Amino acid sequence: SVEFEDEISKEVERDISSIRGVIRSVSLGKKVYLDTVAEITTTEILEEIRKLGLKPVNLEIIAEQKHLGSS
């Protein structure tokens, strides 16, 4: 989840969900929970959020899953 100083509007949530690599975003108060593809890094997500003019104050990685193809 990414936490911000102020509550997140639906418009900002839509902007965040349009970031490359974000599959889904859900806002709950000051936090936005993200589902992302494995190919995008946390650093890249934060850079894109900052490009939107937003200033995250906290980042918490809740779970990371890697899906490996069968060989």
C-alpha atoms as a PDB file:
ATOM      1  CA  SER A   1       0.000   0.000   0.000  1.00  0.00           C
ATOM      2  CA  VAL A   2       1.031   3.582  -0.569  1.00  0.00           C
ATOM      3  CA  GLU A   3       0.037   6.130   2.058  1.00  0.00           C
ATOM      4  CA  PHE A   4      -0.438   9.850   1.435  1.00  0.00           C
ATOM      5  CA  GLU A   5      -0.855  12.873   3.724  1.00  0.00           C
ATOM      6  CA  ASP A   6      -4.424  13.495   2.600  1.00  0.00           C
ATOM      7  CA  GLU A   7      -7.363  11.302   1.697  1.00  0.00           C
ATOM      8  CA  ILE A   8      -7.246  10.089  -1.907  1.00  0.00           C
ATOM      9  CA  SER A   9      -9.976  11.151  -4.325  1.00  0.00           C
ATOM     10  CA  LYS A  10     -11.434   8.817  -6.937  1.00  0.00           C
ATOM     11  CA  GLU A  11      -9.773  10.960  -9.622  1.00  0.00           C
ATOM     12  CA  VAL A  12      -6.334  10.451  -8.068  1.00  0.00           C
ATOM     13  CA  GLU A  13      -7.064   6.731  -7.681  1.00  0.00           C
ATOM     14  CA  ARG A  14      -7.857   6.565 -11.419  1.00  0.00           C
ATOM     15  CA  ASP A  15      -4.590   8.365 -12.198  1.00  0.00           C
ATOM     16  CA  ILE A  16      -2.650   5.872 -10.093  1.00  0.00           C
ATOM     17  CA  SER A  17      -4.433   2.916 -11.696  1.00  0.00           C
ATOM     18  CA  SER A  18      -3.320   4.186 -15.121  1.00  0.00           C
ATOM     19  CA  ILE A  19       0.364   3.799 -14.216  1.00  0.00           C
ATOM     20  CA  ARG A  20       2.128   1.218 -16.377  1.00  0.00           C
ATOM     21  CA  GLY A  21       2.271  -2.084 -14.511  1.00  0.00           C
ATOM     22  CA  VAL A  22      -0.619  -1.373 -12.143  1.00  0.00           C
ATOM     23  CA  ILE A  23      -3.355  -3.958 -12.599  1.00  0.00           C
ATOM     24  CA  ARG A  24      -5.768  -2.579 -10.013  1.00  0.00           C
ATOM     25  CA  SER A  25      -5.841   0.126  -7.344  1.00  0.00           C
ATOM     26  CA  VAL A  26      -8.234   0.579  -4.442  1.00  0.00           C
ATOM     27  CA  SER A  27      -8.184   3.614  -2.172  1.00  0.00           C
ATOM     28  CA  LEU A  28      -9.165   3.514   1.472  1.00  0.00           C
ATOM     29  CA  GLY A  29      -8.766   6.872   3.174  1.00  0.00           C
ATOM     30  CA  LYS A  30      -5.141   7.945   2.878  1.00  0.00           C
ATOM     31  CA  LYS A  31      -3.946   4.579   1.553  1.00  0.00           C
ATOM     32  CA  VAL A  32      -4.000   3.143  -1.938  1.00  0.00           C
ATOM     33  CA  TYR A  33      -3.642  -0.613  -2.309  1.00  0.00           C
ATOM     34  CA  LEU A  34      -2.068  -1.728  -5.583  1.00  0.00           C
ATOM     35  CA  ASP A  35      -1.909  -4.973  -7.520  1.00  0.00           C
ATOM     36  CA  THR A  36       0.994  -4.791  -9.940  1.00  0.00           C
ATOM     37  CA  VAL A  37       2.738  -6.961 -12.481  1.00  0.00           C
ATOM     38  CA  ALA A  38       5.988  -8.554 -11.347  1.00  0.00           C
ATOM     39  CA  GLU A  39       8.019  -6.723 -13.998  1.00  0.00           C
ATOM     40  CA  ILE A  40       7.590  -3.281 -12.383  1.00  0.00           C
ATOM     41  CA  THR A  41       9.646  -2.379  -9.338  1.00  0.00           C
ATOM     42  CA  THR A  42       8.580  -0.486  -6.252  1.00  0.00           C
ATOM     43  CA  THR A  43      10.988   2.298  -7.220  1.00  0.00           C
ATOM     44  CA  GLU A  44       9.358   2.630 -10.657  1.00  0.00           C
ATOM     45  CA  ILE A  45       5.890   2.830  -9.111  1.00  0.00           C
ATOM     46  CA  LEU A  46       7.008   5.546  -6.690  1.00  0.00           C
ATOM     47  CA  GLU A  47       8.642   7.512  -9.520  1.00  0.00           C
ATOM     48  CA  GLU A  48       5.410   7.385 -11.539  1.00  0.00           C
ATOM     49  CA  ILE A  49       3.339   8.455  -8.529  1.00  0.00           C
ATOM     50  CA  ARG A  50       5.664  11.427  -7.997  1.00  0.00           C
ATOM     51  CA  LYS A  51       5.343  12.353 -11.702  1.00  0.00           C
ATOM     52  CA  LEU A  52       1.605  12.738 -11.050  1.00  0.00           C
ATOM     53  CA  GLY A  53       2.504  15.430  -8.503  1.00  0.00           C
ATOM     54  CA  LEU A  54       1.676  13.218  -5.531  1.00  0.00           C
ATOM     55  CA  LYS A  55       3.875  12.854  -2.469  1.00  0.00           C
ATOM     56  CA  PRO A  56       3.657   9.467  -0.790  1.00  0.00           C
ATOM     57  CA  VAL A  57       4.570   9.449   2.906  1.00  0.00           C
ATOM     58  CA  ASN A  58       4.769   5.698   3.473  1.00  0.00           C
ATOM     59  CA  LEU A  59       5.054   2.524   1.430  1.00  0.00           C
ATOM     60  CA  GLU A  60       4.214  -0.921   2.754  1.00  0.00           C
ATOM     61  CA  ILE A  61       4.699  -4.070   0.720  1.00  0.00           C
ATOM     62  CA  ILE A  62       2.028  -6.441   1.929  1.00  0.00           C
ATOM     63  CA  ALA A  63       2.761  -9.459  -0.250  1.00  0.00           C
ATOM     64  CA  GLU A  64       4.869 -10.197  -3.251  1.00  0.00           C
ATOM     65  CA  GLN A  65       4.099 -13.110  -5.506  1.00  0.00           C
ATOM     66  CA  LYS A  66       6.113 -14.273  -8.464  1.00  0.00           C
ATOM     67  CA  HIS A  67       4.332 -16.436 -11.008  1.00  0.00           C
ATOM     68  CA  LEU A  68       6.688 -18.762 -12.787  1.00  0.00           C
ATOM     69  CA  GLY A  69       5.721 -20.506 -15.986  1.00  0.00           C
ATOM     70  CA  SER A  70       5.925 -24.283 -16.083  1.00  0.00           C
ATOM     71  CA  SER A  71       8.678 -25.779 -18.180  1.00  0.00           C
END
